[in-house]
Amino acid sequence: MSTGCKVVAATIVAASAALVPGDGHAQLGADRRDPQPAFAPARLPPALGQPAPNAQVPAQQPVTFRWGAPLSSAQARGAPPPPDRYRLCVVETGKACDSPNALVHDLRDIFHSLALPPAFHDKVLEWSAAACWKAPDPGAASYDCEWAAPRKLAVGAAMAAIPYPPPRLGRPSPSAGPLRLDPTRATTVVFGWEPPLSQRESAAGAPDPARYRLCVMQQGSSCDLPGTLVYDVGKAMLYNAQIPPSFAGTTIAWTAAACGPGYGAAGAQPGVPNADCTWAQPLLVPTVTN
């Protein structure tokens, strides 16, 4: 999302737009930034609330956007005045808020519900909100706005375009000490993990990944090489894997992936990297022989 802005202190400083009093919608006009005194408390963007980052929403239902009032970074010198209004922008990924199809609304509230137009269905969008203050010039109709960093939003069939976060790996853990493996026959080892910490959200709640995959290998290998153990475990988050004797005395690297509904489609093969699966950073666990 481009708002005709530059990055200053990790916030997006968006140039404001001229407003027509009373119509409630933004008319994007000439950019302006009025200088602030060096001692003035910083004006910050609002804190985005919902939808969450990488959220997914049905195409046919209204979406409610929420944000919080900006926090001051100069509390010791007094907080800046509250914003005169807020601005909401919803746009296709990679496009600016002044593009023809962008949805831009000027609001007094810190939330707004709207139905996404058909042009936005089945696409990945970006949304952001800005806190806006009237320009100091008497009689000026323009505003100075501070934009929050945009968030992605998948609509309808575009839900699969945003990958799930990886699962949180649990056992076996390097901190639990080395695994004992039998050098003469396969050893059963229980691998476990938890759901992603930040799952994609929809209007109905946060769905679990469609399935999980487990990969067990020797350190230095990868999940798509011969000799690697790769399992499709469905929705289970525990799996009893048979570790061959050749792994005894080596360091095991293991990981799990959260996969969306696209995994298992035509062309997807077990053991082959799949675009709809997100792998966690592997854990390294030393082994010793019994």
Protein backbone atom coordinates (compact mmCIF):
# COMPACT_ATOMS: atom_id res chain seq x y z
CA MET A 1 0.00 0.00 0.00
CA SER A 2 1.36 3.36 -0.92
CA THR A 3 -0.02 6.50 0.68
CA GLY A 4 2.46 8.92 -0.83
CA CYS A 5 4.51 8.77 2.33
CA LYS A 6 7.96 8.22 3.76
CA VAL A 7 9.12 6.16 6.74
CA VAL A 8 10.11 8.19 9.80
CA ALA A 9 10.91 6.40 13.08
CA ALA A 10 9.25 3.19 11.91
CA THR A 11 5.93 4.91 11.21
CA ILE A 12 4.44 5.67 7.87
CA VAL A 13 3.98 9.43 7.51
CA ALA A 14 1.24 9.89 4.98
CA ALA A 15 0.50 13.15 3.30
CA SER A 16 -3.02 14.27 3.94
CA ALA A 17 -5.93 14.82 1.64
CA ALA A 18 -8.28 17.75 1.28
CA LEU A 19 -11.69 17.11 2.79
CA VAL A 20 -15.07 18.33 1.66
CA PRO A 21 -16.87 19.22 4.90
CA GLY A 22 -19.89 17.07 5.59
CA ASP A 23 -19.54 14.44 2.89
CA GLY A 24 -17.67 11.93 5.09
CA HIS A 25 -15.34 10.73 2.31
CA ALA A 26 -11.81 11.64 1.40
CA GLN A 27 -10.92 13.62 -1.66
CA LEU A 28 -7.20 13.08 -2.09
CA GLY A 29 -5.55 16.36 -2.87
CA ALA A 30 -2.16 18.00 -2.64
CA ASP A 31 0.23 16.61 -0.04
CA ARG A 32 1.27 18.91 2.77
CA ARG A 33 3.28 18.57 5.96
CA ASP A 34 3.50 21.59 8.24
CA PRO A 35 6.68 21.80 10.33
CA GLN A 36 6.35 21.00 14.02
CA PRO A 37 8.38 22.81 16.70
CA ALA A 38 11.38 20.80 17.84
CA PHE A 39 9.87 20.45 21.32
CA ALA A 40 6.41 19.38 20.16
CA PRO A 41 5.29 15.92 21.27
CA ALA A 42 5.35 13.40 18.46
CA ARG A 43 2.15 12.58 16.64
CA LEU A 44 1.85 8.84 16.14
CA PRO A 45 -0.40 6.65 13.98
CA PRO A 46 -3.32 4.72 15.45
CA ALA A 47 -2.84 1.18 16.76
CA LEU A 48 -4.53 -1.20 14.32
CA GLY A 49 -6.86 -3.75 15.89
CA GLN A 50 -9.05 -5.88 13.64
CA PRO A 51 -8.83 -7.53 11.18
CA ALA A 52 -5.62 -9.13 12.40
CA PRO A 53 -2.52 -9.34 10.18
CA ASN A 54 -3.01 -11.78 7.32
CA ALA A 55 -6.69 -12.12 8.16
CA GLN A 56 -9.08 -13.89 5.82
CA VAL A 57 -12.69 -12.88 5.34
CA PRO A 58 -15.59 -14.19 3.24
CA ALA A 59 -16.30 -12.18 0.12
CA GLN A 60 -20.02 -11.70 0.76
CA GLN A 61 -19.96 -10.43 4.37
CA PRO A 62 -19.31 -6.89 5.67
CA VAL A 63 -15.93 -6.38 7.32
CA THR A 64 -15.49 -4.31 10.48
CA PHE A 65 -12.20 -2.43 10.77
CA ARG A 66 -11.08 -1.29 14.22
CA TRP A 67 -8.13 0.67 15.58
CA GLY A 68 -7.12 2.45 18.76
CA ALA A 69 -6.20 6.05 19.47
CA PRO A 70 -2.51 6.83 18.92
CA LEU A 71 -0.12 6.65 21.86
CA SER A 72 2.21 9.54 22.56
CA SER A 73 5.98 8.97 22.44
CA ALA A 74 6.55 12.14 24.48
CA GLN A 75 4.46 11.62 27.61
CA ALA A 76 6.95 13.56 29.73
CA ARG A 77 6.29 16.70 27.72
CA GLY A 78 2.58 16.20 27.45
CA ALA A 79 0.57 14.26 24.92
CA PRO A 80 -0.34 15.80 21.58
CA PRO A 81 -3.97 16.78 21.10
CA PRO A 82 -6.32 13.97 20.09
CA PRO A 83 -6.85 13.51 16.35
CA ASP A 84 -9.57 15.59 14.74
CA ARG A 85 -10.60 12.55 12.71
CA TYR A 86 -9.36 9.25 11.34
CA ARG A 87 -8.91 7.99 7.80
CA LEU A 88 -9.41 4.36 6.66
CA CYS A 89 -7.92 3.04 3.43
CA VAL A 90 -8.59 -0.38 1.85
CA VAL A 91 -6.85 -1.10 -1.43
CA GLU A 92 -5.46 -3.94 -3.54
CA THR A 93 -1.94 -5.00 -2.58
CA GLY A 94 0.67 -2.83 -4.26
CA LYS A 95 -1.70 0.04 -5.09
CA ALA A 96 -1.92 3.49 -3.54
CA CYS A 97 -4.77 4.97 -1.54
CA ASP A 98 -5.36 7.50 -4.31
CA SER A 99 -5.84 4.80 -6.97
CA PRO A 100 -9.28 4.71 -8.65
CA ASN A 101 -10.58 1.58 -6.85
CA ALA A 102 -9.29 2.42 -3.36
CA LEU A 103 -11.81 2.70 -0.54
CA VAL A 104 -10.96 5.77 1.55
CA HIS A 105 -13.25 7.01 4.33
CA ASP A 106 -12.84 9.90 6.77
CA LEU A 107 -14.34 9.07 10.15
CA ARG A 108 -14.85 10.33 13.67
CA ASP A 109 -15.03 6.83 15.15
CA ILE A 110 -12.29 4.22 15.67
CA PHE A 111 -14.20 1.55 13.77
CA HIS A 112 -16.03 1.24 10.48
CA SER A 113 -17.95 -1.58 8.78
CA LEU A 114 -18.21 -1.83 5.04
CA ALA A 115 -19.09 -4.34 2.34
CA LEU A 116 -16.18 -4.98 0.01
CA PRO A 117 -17.09 -4.35 -3.64
CA PRO A 118 -16.98 -7.21 -6.18
CA ALA A 119 -13.73 -5.79 -7.58
CA PHE A 120 -12.06 -6.77 -4.28
CA HIS A 121 -13.44 -10.30 -4.11
CA ASP A 122 -10.93 -13.17 -4.29
CA LYS A 123 -7.97 -10.81 -3.93
CA VAL A 124 -5.36 -9.98 -1.32
CA LEU A 125 -5.90 -6.45 -0.04
CA GLU A 126 -4.08 -4.09 2.29
CA TRP A 127 -5.70 -1.85 4.86
CA SER A 128 -4.52 0.87 7.17
CA ALA A 129 -5.84 3.71 9.30
CA ALA A 130 -4.46 7.17 9.92
CA ALA A 131 -4.84 9.70 12.69
CA CYS A 132 -5.40 13.17 11.23
CA TRP A 133 -5.06 16.67 12.65
CA LYS A 134 -6.20 19.92 11.08
CA ALA A 135 -3.40 21.91 9.51
CA PRO A 136 -2.41 24.90 11.67
CA ASP A 137 -3.11 27.45 8.95
CA PRO A 138 -6.35 29.34 9.74
CA GLY A 139 -9.06 28.40 7.30
CA ALA A 140 -7.07 25.53 5.74
CA ALA A 141 -9.14 22.56 4.65
CA SER A 142 -6.26 20.09 4.66
CA TYR A 143 -5.13 17.64 7.34
CA ASP A 144 -1.83 16.21 8.54
CA CYS A 145 -2.14 12.41 8.83
CA GLU A 146 0.01 9.72 10.40
CA TRP A 147 -0.60 6.26 8.86
CA ALA A 148 -0.12 2.91 10.58
CA ALA A 149 1.86 0.20 8.78
CA PRO A 150 -0.62 -1.60 6.48
CA ARG A 151 -1.93 -5.11 7.05
CA LYS A 152 -2.79 -7.73 4.46
CA LEU A 153 -6.34 -9.01 4.14
CA ALA A 154 -7.36 -12.01 1.99
CA VAL A 155 -10.88 -12.02 0.59
CA GLY A 156 -12.82 -15.09 -0.55
CA ALA A 157 -10.83 -17.45 -2.78
CA ALA A 158 -7.67 -15.45 -2.07
CA MET A 159 -7.57 -16.93 1.44
CA ALA A 160 -5.09 -19.60 0.36
CA ALA A 161 -2.72 -16.93 -0.95
CA ILE A 162 -1.59 -16.08 2.60
CA PRO A 163 0.34 -18.95 4.19
CA TYR A 164 -0.31 -20.16 7.70
CA PRO A 165 2.31 -19.28 10.30
CA PRO A 166 4.47 -22.29 11.25
CA PRO A 167 3.57 -24.50 14.22
CA ARG A 168 5.43 -24.22 17.52
CA LEU A 169 7.73 -27.19 17.94
CA GLY A 170 7.68 -29.02 21.27
CA ARG A 171 9.17 -32.47 21.73
CA PRO A 172 11.79 -33.77 21.48
CA SER A 173 13.58 -30.63 22.62
CA PRO A 174 17.35 -30.03 22.67
CA SER A 175 17.02 -28.96 26.32
CA ALA A 176 15.77 -32.43 27.30
CA GLY A 177 19.11 -34.02 26.55
CA PRO A 178 20.13 -36.51 23.85
CA LEU A 179 17.77 -39.09 22.41
CA ARG A 180 18.64 -42.73 22.98
CA LEU A 181 18.39 -44.70 19.74
CA ASP A 182 18.94 -48.40 19.13
CA PRO A 183 21.76 -48.91 16.57
CA THR A 184 20.37 -52.33 15.59
CA ARG A 185 16.68 -51.60 14.94
CA ALA A 186 14.17 -48.75 14.55
CA THR A 187 13.34 -46.71 17.65
CA THR A 188 9.94 -45.12 18.26
CA VAL A 189 10.23 -41.39 19.02
CA VAL A 190 7.24 -39.19 19.81
CA PHE A 191 7.27 -35.81 18.05
CA GLY A 192 4.87 -33.10 19.18
CA TRP A 193 4.02 -29.48 18.38
CA GLU A 194 1.35 -26.86 19.02
CA PRO A 195 -0.79 -24.80 16.63
CA PRO A 196 0.63 -21.58 15.16
CA LEU A 197 0.80 -18.79 17.70
CA SER A 198 -0.90 -16.33 15.35
CA GLN A 199 -3.36 -18.07 13.04
CA ARG A 200 -5.21 -16.50 10.18
CA GLU A 201 -8.57 -15.21 11.27
CA SER A 202 -11.92 -15.05 9.58
CA ALA A 203 -15.21 -13.44 10.53
CA ALA A 204 -16.24 -16.75 12.10
CA GLY A 205 -13.04 -17.25 14.11
CA ALA A 206 -9.50 -18.58 13.70
CA PRO A 207 -9.37 -21.80 11.69
CA ASP A 208 -6.83 -24.51 12.38
CA PRO A 209 -4.43 -25.43 9.58
CA ALA A 210 -5.94 -27.99 7.23
CA ARG A 211 -3.19 -30.48 8.12
CA TYR A 212 0.34 -30.83 9.44
CA ARG A 213 3.49 -32.45 8.08
CA LEU A 214 6.50 -33.79 9.97
CA CYS A 215 10.06 -33.96 8.67
CA VAL A 216 12.89 -35.80 10.46
CA MET A 217 16.41 -35.79 9.01
CA GLN A 218 20.05 -35.84 9.92
CA GLN A 219 21.68 -32.45 10.52
CA GLY A 220 22.73 -30.85 7.24
CA SER A 221 20.09 -32.58 5.13
CA SER A 222 16.78 -31.16 3.87
CA CYS A 223 13.21 -32.41 3.69
CA ASP A 224 13.34 -33.08 -0.06
CA LEU A 225 16.45 -35.29 -0.07
CA PRO A 226 16.59 -39.12 -0.02
CA GLY A 227 16.89 -40.61 3.45
CA THR A 228 14.69 -37.94 5.03
CA LEU A 229 11.57 -39.06 6.89
CA VAL A 230 8.51 -37.02 5.85
CA TYR A 231 5.03 -37.77 7.20
CA ASP A 232 1.65 -36.32 6.36
CA VAL A 233 -0.08 -36.51 9.77
CA GLY A 234 -3.42 -34.84 9.08
CA LYS A 235 -4.64 -32.68 11.97
CA ALA A 236 -2.68 -34.61 14.61
CA MET A 237 -0.07 -32.73 16.62
CA LEU A 238 1.63 -35.85 17.98
CA TYR A 239 3.26 -38.52 15.87
CA ASN A 240 5.14 -41.73 16.73
CA ALA A 241 7.92 -41.90 14.15
CA GLN A 242 10.12 -44.93 13.59
CA ILE A 243 13.70 -43.64 13.54
CA PRO A 244 16.05 -45.99 11.66
CA PRO A 245 19.28 -47.26 13.23
CA SER A 246 21.36 -45.14 10.81
CA PHE A 247 20.32 -42.06 12.80
CA ALA A 248 21.83 -43.39 16.05
CA GLY A 249 24.85 -41.39 17.19
CA THR A 250 24.07 -38.43 14.89
CA THR A 251 22.31 -35.12 15.45
CA ILE A 252 18.70 -35.16 14.33
CA ALA A 253 17.07 -32.11 12.79
CA TRP A 254 13.29 -32.14 12.87
CA THR A 255 10.54 -29.73 11.94
CA ALA A 256 6.80 -29.58 11.31
CA ALA A 257 4.72 -27.56 8.87
CA ALA A 258 1.26 -26.04 8.99
CA CYS A 259 -0.49 -26.56 5.66
CA GLY A 260 -3.50 -24.89 4.12
CA PRO A 261 -6.23 -26.53 2.05
CA GLY A 262 -4.11 -26.34 -1.10
CA TYR A 263 -1.76 -29.08 0.10
CA GLY A 264 -2.67 -32.40 -1.45
CA ALA A 265 -3.91 -30.83 -4.66
CA ALA A 266 -2.87 -32.18 -8.03
CA GLY A 267 0.90 -32.15 -8.37
CA ALA A 268 1.67 -32.11 -4.64
CA GLN A 269 3.94 -34.98 -3.66
CA PRO A 270 4.98 -36.10 -0.17
CA GLY A 271 8.51 -34.97 0.61
CA VAL A 272 8.44 -32.20 -1.97
CA PRO A 273 8.28 -28.56 -0.82
CA ASN A 274 4.76 -27.22 -1.18
CA ALA A 275 3.79 -23.55 -1.44
CA ASP A 276 0.83 -24.01 0.89
CA CYS A 277 2.93 -25.36 3.79
CA THR A 278 4.95 -23.22 6.19
CA TRP A 279 7.78 -25.03 8.00
CA ALA A 280 9.06 -24.14 11.45
CA GLN A 281 12.75 -23.55 12.08
CA PRO A 282 14.19 -27.07 12.69
CA LEU A 283 15.26 -28.20 16.16
CA LEU A 284 18.60 -29.97 16.50
CA VAL A 285 18.58 -32.92 18.91
CA PRO A 286 21.71 -35.03 19.56
CA THR A 287 21.38 -38.79 19.86
CA VAL A 288 23.29 -41.50 21.68
CA THR A 289 23.17 -45.25 21.27
CA ASN A 290 21.54 -47.51 23.82
